[in-house]
N, C-alpha and C. Protein backbone atom coordinates (compact mmCIF):
# COMPACT_ATOMS: atom_id res chain seq x y z
N MET A 1 93.97 -101.50 0.55
CA MET A 1 94.19 -101.08 -0.82
C MET A 1 93.54 -99.72 -1.03
N LYS A 2 94.26 -98.85 -1.73
CA LYS A 2 93.73 -97.55 -2.11
C LYS A 2 93.08 -97.68 -3.49
N LEU A 3 92.00 -96.95 -3.68
CA LEU A 3 91.29 -96.97 -4.95
C LEU A 3 91.53 -95.63 -5.64
N LEU A 4 92.17 -95.67 -6.81
CA LEU A 4 92.42 -94.48 -7.61
C LEU A 4 91.25 -94.33 -8.57
N VAL A 5 90.50 -93.25 -8.44
CA VAL A 5 89.26 -93.07 -9.18
C VAL A 5 89.35 -91.85 -10.09
N ALA A 6 88.86 -92.01 -11.31
CA ALA A 6 88.71 -90.89 -12.25
C ALA A 6 87.44 -91.13 -13.04
N ALA A 7 86.86 -90.07 -13.52
CA ALA A 7 85.66 -90.20 -14.35
C ALA A 7 86.00 -90.72 -15.74
N LEU A 8 87.11 -90.25 -16.28
CA LEU A 8 87.50 -90.57 -17.66
C LEU A 8 88.92 -91.11 -17.71
N SER A 9 89.16 -92.05 -18.58
CA SER A 9 90.51 -92.60 -18.72
C SER A 9 91.50 -91.53 -19.16
N SER A 10 91.06 -90.52 -19.88
CA SER A 10 91.96 -89.44 -20.31
C SER A 10 92.53 -88.67 -19.13
N GLU A 11 91.83 -88.67 -18.00
CA GLU A 11 92.33 -87.99 -16.81
C GLU A 11 93.44 -88.79 -16.13
N LEU A 12 93.65 -90.03 -16.58
CA LEU A 12 94.68 -90.90 -16.01
C LEU A 12 95.83 -91.17 -16.97
N VAL A 13 95.95 -90.41 -18.06
CA VAL A 13 96.97 -90.71 -19.07
C VAL A 13 98.39 -90.63 -18.51
N ALA A 14 98.64 -89.84 -17.50
CA ALA A 14 99.98 -89.71 -16.93
C ALA A 14 100.27 -90.77 -15.85
N PHE A 15 99.28 -91.58 -15.52
CA PHE A 15 99.42 -92.61 -14.48
C PHE A 15 99.74 -93.95 -15.11
N GLU A 16 100.64 -94.69 -14.46
CA GLU A 16 100.92 -96.05 -14.89
C GLU A 16 99.64 -96.88 -14.72
N SER A 17 99.48 -97.88 -15.59
CA SER A 17 98.27 -98.71 -15.48
C SER A 17 98.29 -99.57 -14.22
N ASP A 18 99.47 -99.87 -13.70
CA ASP A 18 99.60 -100.65 -12.49
C ASP A 18 100.42 -99.84 -11.48
N LEU A 19 99.74 -99.11 -10.63
CA LEU A 19 100.38 -98.25 -9.65
C LEU A 19 100.39 -98.98 -8.30
N GLU A 20 101.58 -99.21 -7.75
CA GLU A 20 101.73 -100.00 -6.52
C GLU A 20 100.85 -99.46 -5.39
N GLY A 21 100.07 -100.36 -4.79
CA GLY A 21 99.21 -99.99 -3.68
C GLY A 21 97.86 -99.43 -4.07
N PHE A 22 97.63 -99.28 -5.38
CA PHE A 22 96.40 -98.69 -5.87
C PHE A 22 95.70 -99.62 -6.86
N GLU A 23 94.41 -99.64 -6.78
CA GLU A 23 93.56 -100.24 -7.81
C GLU A 23 92.92 -99.08 -8.56
N ARG A 24 92.74 -99.22 -9.84
CA ARG A 24 92.21 -98.14 -10.67
C ARG A 24 90.73 -98.39 -10.98
N LEU A 25 89.94 -97.30 -10.93
CA LEU A 25 88.53 -97.35 -11.30
C LEU A 25 88.19 -96.13 -12.15
N VAL A 26 87.71 -96.36 -13.36
CA VAL A 26 87.19 -95.30 -14.23
C VAL A 26 85.68 -95.44 -14.22
N THR A 27 84.98 -94.42 -13.75
CA THR A 27 83.55 -94.53 -13.50
C THR A 27 82.67 -94.13 -14.68
N GLY A 28 83.19 -93.28 -15.54
CA GLY A 28 82.34 -92.65 -16.55
C GLY A 28 81.88 -91.30 -16.02
N PRO A 29 81.48 -90.41 -16.93
CA PRO A 29 81.12 -89.05 -16.51
C PRO A 29 79.71 -88.94 -15.93
N GLY A 30 79.53 -87.98 -15.04
CA GLY A 30 78.22 -87.68 -14.48
C GLY A 30 77.99 -88.35 -13.13
N LYS A 31 77.04 -87.78 -12.40
CA LYS A 31 76.76 -88.24 -11.04
C LYS A 31 76.25 -89.67 -10.98
N LEU A 32 75.37 -90.06 -11.87
CA LEU A 32 74.82 -91.42 -11.81
C LEU A 32 75.87 -92.48 -12.08
N GLN A 33 76.66 -92.28 -13.14
CA GLN A 33 77.70 -93.25 -13.43
C GLN A 33 78.73 -93.30 -12.30
N ALA A 34 79.08 -92.14 -11.76
CA ALA A 34 80.04 -92.08 -10.65
C ALA A 34 79.51 -92.84 -9.44
N ALA A 35 78.26 -92.58 -9.06
CA ALA A 35 77.68 -93.24 -7.89
C ALA A 35 77.57 -94.74 -8.11
N TYR A 36 77.12 -95.15 -9.28
CA TYR A 36 76.95 -96.57 -9.56
C TYR A 36 78.28 -97.33 -9.51
N ALA A 37 79.26 -96.83 -10.25
CA ALA A 37 80.55 -97.53 -10.32
C ALA A 37 81.25 -97.58 -8.96
N LEU A 38 81.24 -96.48 -8.24
CA LEU A 38 81.92 -96.46 -6.94
C LEU A 38 81.17 -97.34 -5.93
N THR A 39 79.86 -97.32 -5.95
CA THR A 39 79.08 -98.16 -5.05
C THR A 39 79.36 -99.64 -5.32
N ARG A 40 79.36 -100.04 -6.58
CA ARG A 40 79.64 -101.45 -6.92
C ARG A 40 81.02 -101.86 -6.40
N ARG A 41 82.01 -101.00 -6.60
CA ARG A 41 83.37 -101.36 -6.17
C ARG A 41 83.48 -101.41 -4.65
N LEU A 42 82.93 -100.42 -3.96
CA LEU A 42 83.03 -100.41 -2.50
C LEU A 42 82.24 -101.54 -1.87
N ASP A 43 81.16 -101.93 -2.50
CA ASP A 43 80.35 -103.04 -2.00
C ASP A 43 81.14 -104.35 -2.00
N ALA A 44 82.11 -104.47 -2.88
CA ALA A 44 82.96 -105.67 -2.93
C ALA A 44 83.97 -105.70 -1.78
N GLY A 45 84.22 -104.56 -1.12
CA GLY A 45 85.11 -104.51 0.03
C GLY A 45 86.58 -104.36 -0.33
N GLY A 46 87.40 -104.23 0.71
CA GLY A 46 88.84 -104.18 0.55
C GLY A 46 89.44 -102.83 0.22
N VAL A 47 88.66 -101.76 0.29
CA VAL A 47 89.18 -100.42 -0.02
C VAL A 47 89.37 -99.67 1.30
N ASP A 48 90.62 -99.21 1.54
CA ASP A 48 90.94 -98.46 2.76
C ASP A 48 90.83 -96.95 2.57
N GLU A 49 91.04 -96.49 1.34
CA GLU A 49 90.98 -95.06 1.03
C GLU A 49 90.67 -94.89 -0.44
N ILE A 50 89.91 -93.86 -0.74
CA ILE A 50 89.60 -93.50 -2.12
C ILE A 50 90.39 -92.24 -2.44
N VAL A 51 91.08 -92.25 -3.58
CA VAL A 51 91.81 -91.08 -4.06
C VAL A 51 91.26 -90.76 -5.45
N VAL A 52 90.51 -89.68 -5.52
CA VAL A 52 89.91 -89.25 -6.78
C VAL A 52 90.83 -88.23 -7.42
N VAL A 53 91.09 -88.40 -8.71
CA VAL A 53 91.84 -87.41 -9.48
C VAL A 53 91.02 -87.03 -10.71
N GLY A 54 91.13 -85.77 -11.10
CA GLY A 54 90.40 -85.35 -12.29
C GLY A 54 90.51 -83.87 -12.53
N THR A 55 89.81 -83.45 -13.56
CA THR A 55 89.82 -82.06 -13.97
C THR A 55 88.59 -81.34 -13.44
N ALA A 56 88.68 -80.01 -13.41
CA ALA A 56 87.55 -79.18 -12.98
C ALA A 56 87.62 -77.85 -13.70
N GLY A 57 86.47 -77.29 -13.94
CA GLY A 57 86.41 -75.93 -14.46
C GLY A 57 86.47 -74.95 -13.31
N SER A 58 87.04 -73.78 -13.55
CA SER A 58 87.11 -72.73 -12.54
C SER A 58 86.00 -71.72 -12.78
N VAL A 59 85.27 -71.38 -11.73
CA VAL A 59 84.24 -70.34 -11.85
C VAL A 59 84.73 -69.02 -11.26
N ASP A 60 86.01 -68.97 -10.93
CA ASP A 60 86.65 -67.77 -10.40
C ASP A 60 87.99 -67.64 -11.12
N ALA A 61 88.18 -66.57 -11.85
CA ALA A 61 89.38 -66.38 -12.66
C ALA A 61 90.67 -66.50 -11.85
N GLY A 62 90.62 -66.22 -10.56
CA GLY A 62 91.80 -66.30 -9.73
C GLY A 62 92.13 -67.70 -9.24
N VAL A 63 91.26 -68.65 -9.52
CA VAL A 63 91.47 -70.02 -9.05
C VAL A 63 92.02 -70.86 -10.21
N THR A 64 93.27 -71.25 -10.07
CA THR A 64 93.95 -72.07 -11.08
C THR A 64 94.72 -73.17 -10.36
N GLY A 65 95.38 -74.03 -11.09
CA GLY A 65 96.25 -75.03 -10.50
C GLY A 65 95.52 -76.23 -9.94
N LEU A 66 96.12 -76.84 -8.92
CA LEU A 66 95.62 -78.07 -8.33
C LEU A 66 95.02 -77.79 -6.96
N HIS A 67 93.90 -78.45 -6.66
CA HIS A 67 93.20 -78.22 -5.39
C HIS A 67 92.73 -79.52 -4.79
N GLU A 68 92.79 -79.58 -3.46
CA GLU A 68 92.15 -80.67 -2.74
C GLU A 68 90.76 -80.19 -2.36
N ILE A 69 89.77 -80.99 -2.65
CA ILE A 69 88.38 -80.59 -2.44
C ILE A 69 87.97 -80.84 -0.99
N ALA A 70 87.47 -79.78 -0.36
CA ALA A 70 86.99 -79.85 1.01
C ALA A 70 85.50 -80.20 1.05
N ALA A 71 84.75 -79.70 0.07
CA ALA A 71 83.30 -79.90 0.07
C ALA A 71 82.76 -79.86 -1.35
N ALA A 72 81.60 -80.49 -1.49
CA ALA A 72 80.91 -80.49 -2.79
C ALA A 72 79.44 -80.16 -2.58
N ILE A 73 78.90 -79.43 -3.54
CA ILE A 73 77.48 -79.12 -3.59
C ILE A 73 76.98 -79.53 -4.97
N GLN A 74 75.67 -79.52 -5.15
CA GLN A 74 75.11 -79.80 -6.47
C GLN A 74 74.52 -78.51 -7.03
N HIS A 75 74.95 -78.13 -8.22
CA HIS A 75 74.45 -76.89 -8.81
C HIS A 75 73.24 -77.10 -9.69
N ASP A 76 72.89 -78.34 -9.98
CA ASP A 76 71.82 -78.60 -10.94
C ASP A 76 70.57 -79.21 -10.30
N VAL A 77 70.37 -78.96 -9.01
CA VAL A 77 69.18 -79.46 -8.32
C VAL A 77 68.46 -78.31 -7.62
N THR A 78 67.19 -78.54 -7.36
CA THR A 78 66.39 -77.61 -6.54
C THR A 78 65.52 -78.44 -5.61
N ASP A 79 65.21 -77.87 -4.46
CA ASP A 79 64.35 -78.58 -3.53
C ASP A 79 62.88 -78.29 -3.84
N ILE A 80 62.01 -78.78 -3.01
CA ILE A 80 60.57 -78.66 -3.24
C ILE A 80 60.10 -77.20 -3.25
N ASP A 81 60.88 -76.33 -2.61
CA ASP A 81 60.56 -74.90 -2.61
C ASP A 81 61.25 -74.15 -3.74
N GLY A 82 61.95 -74.87 -4.60
CA GLY A 82 62.62 -74.25 -5.74
C GLY A 82 63.94 -73.60 -5.41
N ILE A 83 64.54 -73.94 -4.27
CA ILE A 83 65.81 -73.34 -3.88
C ILE A 83 66.95 -74.07 -4.58
N ALA A 84 67.68 -73.35 -5.41
CA ALA A 84 68.78 -73.92 -6.18
C ALA A 84 69.88 -74.42 -5.27
N GLY A 85 70.47 -75.56 -5.63
CA GLY A 85 71.57 -76.12 -4.87
C GLY A 85 71.15 -77.00 -3.71
N GLN A 86 69.86 -77.08 -3.46
CA GLN A 86 69.36 -77.94 -2.39
C GLN A 86 68.54 -79.07 -3.00
N HIS A 87 68.87 -80.27 -2.61
CA HIS A 87 68.19 -81.46 -3.11
C HIS A 87 67.00 -81.77 -2.20
N VAL A 88 66.03 -82.47 -2.71
CA VAL A 88 64.86 -82.83 -1.92
C VAL A 88 65.23 -83.75 -0.76
N SER A 89 66.15 -84.71 -0.99
CA SER A 89 66.44 -85.67 0.07
C SER A 89 67.92 -85.87 0.39
N LEU A 90 68.82 -85.31 -0.39
CA LEU A 90 70.25 -85.44 -0.12
C LEU A 90 70.76 -84.20 0.60
N PRO A 91 71.88 -84.31 1.32
CA PRO A 91 72.41 -83.11 2.00
C PRO A 91 72.82 -82.04 0.98
N GLN A 92 72.67 -80.79 1.38
CA GLN A 92 73.05 -79.69 0.50
C GLN A 92 74.55 -79.71 0.22
N ARG A 93 75.32 -80.15 1.19
CA ARG A 93 76.78 -80.11 1.11
C ARG A 93 77.35 -81.40 1.69
N VAL A 94 78.34 -81.97 1.01
CA VAL A 94 79.07 -83.12 1.56
C VAL A 94 80.53 -82.69 1.69
N GLU A 95 81.20 -83.19 2.74
CA GLU A 95 82.55 -82.73 3.03
C GLU A 95 83.52 -83.90 3.16
N THR A 96 84.78 -83.64 2.82
CA THR A 96 85.82 -84.65 2.92
C THR A 96 86.56 -84.60 4.26
N GLY A 97 86.49 -83.48 4.95
CA GLY A 97 87.20 -83.31 6.21
C GLY A 97 88.55 -82.62 6.07
N ARG A 98 88.92 -82.29 4.83
CA ARG A 98 90.18 -81.57 4.59
C ARG A 98 90.08 -80.93 3.21
N GLY A 99 91.05 -80.12 2.86
CA GLY A 99 91.06 -79.51 1.53
C GLY A 99 90.89 -78.02 1.56
N ASP A 100 90.91 -77.41 0.37
CA ASP A 100 90.90 -75.96 0.27
C ASP A 100 89.86 -75.40 -0.69
N ALA A 101 89.01 -76.25 -1.25
CA ALA A 101 88.08 -75.74 -2.27
C ALA A 101 86.72 -76.40 -2.15
N THR A 102 85.71 -75.64 -2.57
CA THR A 102 84.35 -76.17 -2.71
C THR A 102 84.07 -76.31 -4.19
N ILE A 103 83.56 -77.47 -4.57
CA ILE A 103 83.26 -77.76 -5.97
C ILE A 103 81.75 -77.94 -6.13
N ALA A 104 81.22 -77.45 -7.23
CA ALA A 104 79.81 -77.64 -7.57
C ALA A 104 79.72 -78.72 -8.63
N THR A 105 78.92 -79.74 -8.36
CA THR A 105 78.77 -80.87 -9.26
C THR A 105 77.42 -80.80 -9.95
N GLY A 106 77.42 -81.10 -11.24
CA GLY A 106 76.18 -81.17 -12.01
C GLY A 106 76.37 -82.06 -13.21
N ASP A 107 75.26 -82.47 -13.79
CA ASP A 107 75.32 -83.45 -14.88
C ASP A 107 75.44 -82.84 -16.27
N HIS A 108 75.99 -81.67 -16.36
CA HIS A 108 76.32 -81.14 -17.69
C HIS A 108 77.63 -80.37 -17.62
N PHE A 109 78.33 -80.35 -18.76
CA PHE A 109 79.59 -79.64 -18.86
C PHE A 109 79.29 -78.14 -18.87
N VAL A 110 79.83 -77.41 -17.92
CA VAL A 110 79.55 -75.98 -17.79
C VAL A 110 80.49 -75.21 -18.71
N ASP A 111 79.90 -74.40 -19.60
CA ASP A 111 80.72 -73.63 -20.54
C ASP A 111 80.09 -72.30 -20.92
N ASP A 112 79.37 -71.68 -19.96
CA ASP A 112 78.81 -70.36 -20.27
C ASP A 112 78.77 -69.48 -19.03
N ALA A 113 78.81 -68.18 -19.27
CA ALA A 113 78.92 -67.19 -18.20
C ALA A 113 77.71 -67.20 -17.27
N GLU A 114 76.53 -67.44 -17.78
CA GLU A 114 75.33 -67.46 -16.94
C GLU A 114 75.39 -68.59 -15.91
N ALA A 115 75.79 -69.78 -16.35
CA ALA A 115 75.92 -70.92 -15.43
C ALA A 115 77.02 -70.65 -14.41
N VAL A 116 78.13 -70.07 -14.85
CA VAL A 116 79.23 -69.74 -13.95
C VAL A 116 78.76 -68.78 -12.86
N ALA A 117 78.01 -67.77 -13.22
CA ALA A 117 77.50 -66.80 -12.23
C ALA A 117 76.59 -67.49 -11.21
N ALA A 118 75.74 -68.38 -11.67
CA ALA A 118 74.84 -69.09 -10.77
C ALA A 118 75.62 -69.98 -9.81
N ILE A 119 76.63 -70.66 -10.32
CA ILE A 119 77.46 -71.55 -9.49
C ILE A 119 78.26 -70.75 -8.48
N ARG A 120 78.82 -69.65 -8.93
CA ARG A 120 79.57 -68.78 -8.01
C ARG A 120 78.66 -68.32 -6.87
N GLY A 121 77.41 -68.05 -7.19
CA GLY A 121 76.44 -67.62 -6.18
C GLY A 121 76.13 -68.68 -5.12
N LEU A 122 76.41 -69.92 -5.44
CA LEU A 122 76.21 -71.02 -4.48
C LEU A 122 77.42 -71.20 -3.56
N GLY A 123 78.51 -70.47 -3.84
CA GLY A 123 79.69 -70.52 -2.98
C GLY A 123 80.79 -71.45 -3.44
N ALA A 124 80.72 -71.92 -4.67
CA ALA A 124 81.76 -72.80 -5.19
C ALA A 124 82.77 -72.01 -6.01
N THR A 125 83.99 -72.55 -6.10
CA THR A 125 85.01 -71.94 -6.95
C THR A 125 85.37 -72.84 -8.13
N LEU A 126 84.97 -74.12 -8.04
CA LEU A 126 85.25 -75.09 -9.10
C LEU A 126 83.95 -75.79 -9.49
N VAL A 127 83.96 -76.43 -10.67
CA VAL A 127 82.79 -77.16 -11.13
C VAL A 127 83.23 -78.44 -11.83
N ASP A 128 82.47 -79.53 -11.60
CA ASP A 128 82.71 -80.79 -12.29
C ASP A 128 81.41 -81.56 -12.41
N MET A 129 81.51 -82.84 -12.77
CA MET A 129 80.31 -83.63 -12.99
C MET A 129 80.18 -84.85 -12.07
N GLU A 130 81.12 -85.07 -11.13
CA GLU A 130 81.09 -86.30 -10.34
C GLU A 130 81.37 -86.16 -8.84
N THR A 131 82.08 -85.16 -8.40
CA THR A 131 82.63 -85.15 -7.05
C THR A 131 81.59 -85.30 -5.95
N TYR A 132 80.45 -84.63 -6.07
CA TYR A 132 79.41 -84.77 -5.04
C TYR A 132 79.08 -86.25 -4.85
N ALA A 133 78.87 -86.96 -5.95
CA ALA A 133 78.51 -88.38 -5.88
C ALA A 133 79.62 -89.20 -5.23
N TYR A 134 80.87 -88.96 -5.61
CA TYR A 134 81.97 -89.71 -5.02
C TYR A 134 82.01 -89.53 -3.49
N ILE A 135 81.91 -88.29 -3.05
CA ILE A 135 82.00 -88.03 -1.60
C ILE A 135 80.81 -88.64 -0.88
N TRP A 136 79.61 -88.48 -1.43
CA TRP A 136 78.41 -89.02 -0.79
C TRP A 136 78.49 -90.54 -0.66
N VAL A 137 78.89 -91.23 -1.73
CA VAL A 137 79.02 -92.68 -1.69
C VAL A 137 80.09 -93.10 -0.68
N ALA A 138 81.23 -92.44 -0.68
CA ALA A 138 82.29 -92.77 0.27
C ALA A 138 81.78 -92.66 1.70
N GLN A 139 80.98 -91.62 1.98
CA GLN A 139 80.43 -91.45 3.32
C GLN A 139 79.49 -92.60 3.68
N GLN A 140 78.71 -93.07 2.72
CA GLN A 140 77.78 -94.17 2.99
C GLN A 140 78.52 -95.43 3.40
N PHE A 141 79.73 -95.62 2.86
CA PHE A 141 80.53 -96.80 3.17
C PHE A 141 81.54 -96.55 4.29
N GLY A 142 81.66 -95.31 4.75
CA GLY A 142 82.62 -94.99 5.80
C GLY A 142 84.07 -95.10 5.37
N VAL A 143 84.32 -94.85 4.09
CA VAL A 143 85.68 -94.94 3.55
C VAL A 143 86.23 -93.52 3.37
N PRO A 144 87.41 -93.22 3.90
CA PRO A 144 88.00 -91.89 3.71
C PRO A 144 88.23 -91.60 2.23
N ILE A 145 88.05 -90.35 1.87
CA ILE A 145 88.19 -89.94 0.47
C ILE A 145 89.01 -88.67 0.37
N THR A 146 89.92 -88.66 -0.60
CA THR A 146 90.69 -87.48 -0.96
C THR A 146 90.34 -87.18 -2.41
N VAL A 147 89.98 -85.94 -2.69
CA VAL A 147 89.64 -85.55 -4.05
C VAL A 147 90.61 -84.46 -4.50
N LEU A 148 91.37 -84.77 -5.54
CA LEU A 148 92.34 -83.84 -6.11
C LEU A 148 91.87 -83.43 -7.50
N LYS A 149 91.72 -82.13 -7.71
CA LYS A 149 91.24 -81.62 -8.99
C LYS A 149 92.22 -80.60 -9.56
N ALA A 150 92.52 -80.75 -10.83
CA ALA A 150 93.37 -79.80 -11.55
C ALA A 150 92.46 -78.94 -12.43
N VAL A 151 92.64 -77.63 -12.35
CA VAL A 151 91.82 -76.72 -13.15
C VAL A 151 92.23 -76.84 -14.62
N SER A 152 91.25 -77.15 -15.44
CA SER A 152 91.49 -77.38 -16.87
C SER A 152 90.95 -76.28 -17.76
N ASP A 153 89.99 -75.50 -17.25
CA ASP A 153 89.32 -74.51 -18.10
C ASP A 153 88.60 -73.49 -17.24
N SER A 154 88.05 -72.47 -17.89
CA SER A 154 87.37 -71.39 -17.19
C SER A 154 85.86 -71.61 -17.09
N ALA A 155 85.35 -72.76 -17.51
CA ALA A 155 83.94 -73.11 -17.44
C ALA A 155 83.06 -72.17 -18.27
N GLN A 156 83.63 -71.49 -19.23
CA GLN A 156 82.85 -70.65 -20.13
C GLN A 156 83.65 -70.36 -21.40
N ASP A 157 83.00 -69.76 -22.38
CA ASP A 157 83.68 -69.35 -23.62
C ASP A 157 84.44 -70.49 -24.28
N ASP A 158 83.70 -71.52 -24.72
CA ASP A 158 84.28 -72.66 -25.43
C ASP A 158 85.19 -73.49 -24.54
N ALA A 159 84.77 -73.69 -23.30
CA ALA A 159 85.57 -74.43 -22.32
C ALA A 159 85.89 -75.85 -22.75
N ILE A 160 85.01 -76.48 -23.52
CA ILE A 160 85.27 -77.86 -23.94
C ILE A 160 86.55 -77.96 -24.77
N THR A 161 86.81 -76.95 -25.59
CA THR A 161 88.05 -76.92 -26.37
C THR A 161 89.24 -76.77 -25.45
N ASP A 162 89.13 -75.89 -24.47
CA ASP A 162 90.20 -75.72 -23.48
C ASP A 162 90.44 -77.02 -22.72
N TRP A 163 89.35 -77.71 -22.31
CA TRP A 163 89.47 -78.94 -21.55
C TRP A 163 90.21 -80.00 -22.36
N ARG A 164 89.82 -80.18 -23.60
CA ARG A 164 90.46 -81.20 -24.44
C ARG A 164 91.96 -80.93 -24.58
N ALA A 165 92.33 -79.68 -24.68
CA ALA A 165 93.74 -79.32 -24.83
C ALA A 165 94.51 -79.48 -23.52
N ALA A 166 93.84 -79.32 -22.39
CA ALA A 166 94.51 -79.28 -21.09
C ALA A 166 94.52 -80.59 -20.32
N VAL A 167 93.71 -81.55 -20.71
CA VAL A 167 93.53 -82.74 -19.87
C VAL A 167 94.83 -83.51 -19.63
N ALA A 168 95.69 -83.64 -20.62
CA ALA A 168 96.96 -84.38 -20.44
C ALA A 168 97.88 -83.66 -19.45
N ALA A 169 97.97 -82.34 -19.56
CA ALA A 169 98.80 -81.58 -18.62
C ALA A 169 98.24 -81.67 -17.20
N CYS A 170 96.93 -81.62 -17.08
CA CYS A 170 96.30 -81.78 -15.76
C CYS A 170 96.61 -83.15 -15.17
N SER A 171 96.55 -84.19 -16.00
CA SER A 171 96.85 -85.54 -15.55
C SER A 171 98.29 -85.61 -15.02
N ALA A 172 99.23 -84.98 -15.71
CA ALA A 172 100.63 -84.97 -15.27
C ALA A 172 100.77 -84.28 -13.92
N ASP A 173 100.07 -83.16 -13.73
CA ASP A 173 100.10 -82.46 -12.44
C ASP A 173 99.52 -83.33 -11.33
N LEU A 174 98.42 -84.01 -11.64
CA LEU A 174 97.79 -84.89 -10.66
C LEU A 174 98.69 -86.08 -10.32
N ARG A 175 99.38 -86.62 -11.31
CA ARG A 175 100.30 -87.74 -11.07
C ARG A 175 101.43 -87.31 -10.14
N ALA A 176 101.96 -86.11 -10.38
CA ALA A 176 103.03 -85.60 -9.52
C ALA A 176 102.52 -85.41 -8.08
N GLU A 177 101.31 -84.95 -7.91
CA GLU A 177 100.74 -84.77 -6.57
C GLU A 177 100.54 -86.11 -5.86
N VAL A 178 100.06 -87.10 -6.58
CA VAL A 178 99.89 -88.43 -5.99
C VAL A 178 101.25 -89.00 -5.59
N ALA A 179 102.26 -88.80 -6.42
CA ALA A 179 103.62 -89.26 -6.08
C ALA A 179 104.11 -88.58 -4.81
N ALA A 180 103.90 -87.29 -4.70
CA ALA A 180 104.36 -86.54 -3.52
C ALA A 180 103.62 -86.99 -2.26
N ARG A 181 102.34 -87.22 -2.35
CA ARG A 181 101.54 -87.58 -1.18
C ARG A 181 101.72 -89.03 -0.75
N TYR A 182 101.84 -89.92 -1.73
CA TYR A 182 101.80 -91.36 -1.43
C TYR A 182 103.11 -92.09 -1.70
N GLY A 183 104.11 -91.38 -2.23
CA GLY A 183 105.41 -91.98 -2.46
C GLY A 183 105.43 -93.05 -3.54
N VAL A 184 104.54 -92.94 -4.50
CA VAL A 184 104.49 -93.91 -5.60
C VAL A 184 104.60 -93.23 -6.94
């Protein structure tokens, strides 16, 4: 069974509630909720692949559309030496093994130029609140993961308003991508 994962139910508005071959999981926003919900579900067993769908802010004006995430970093952590993007005990970077984008995950909605500049400096082109946790948990269970993100906003200048307006269109794009990849 494939597990279709999103942080928010609004990111799944274009998806049927019963998608053949998929079980649906809405984790809630942020790294802790994402890690907790996915861990509980994977601990129950029976998942062959995780397919994450959701929205992301762009920290590069040239990055738009839909992307498969290759790697995730955390933009809101520092290690014992104060180095941004490095956690005290977790890997600096987690990878899916495929994809075209690096996403920076943190526990707050990014909507200002200063945060965007800092995230860009870490080497990411997208930003969200859950992907690092999803990939890390999937690795702990040895379950393959595909992360598909649709750009919803520019991560600055009132991005929350842009996100609210764009989430349904992003969901439709993600649904079309899942149909193309999985034939459902």
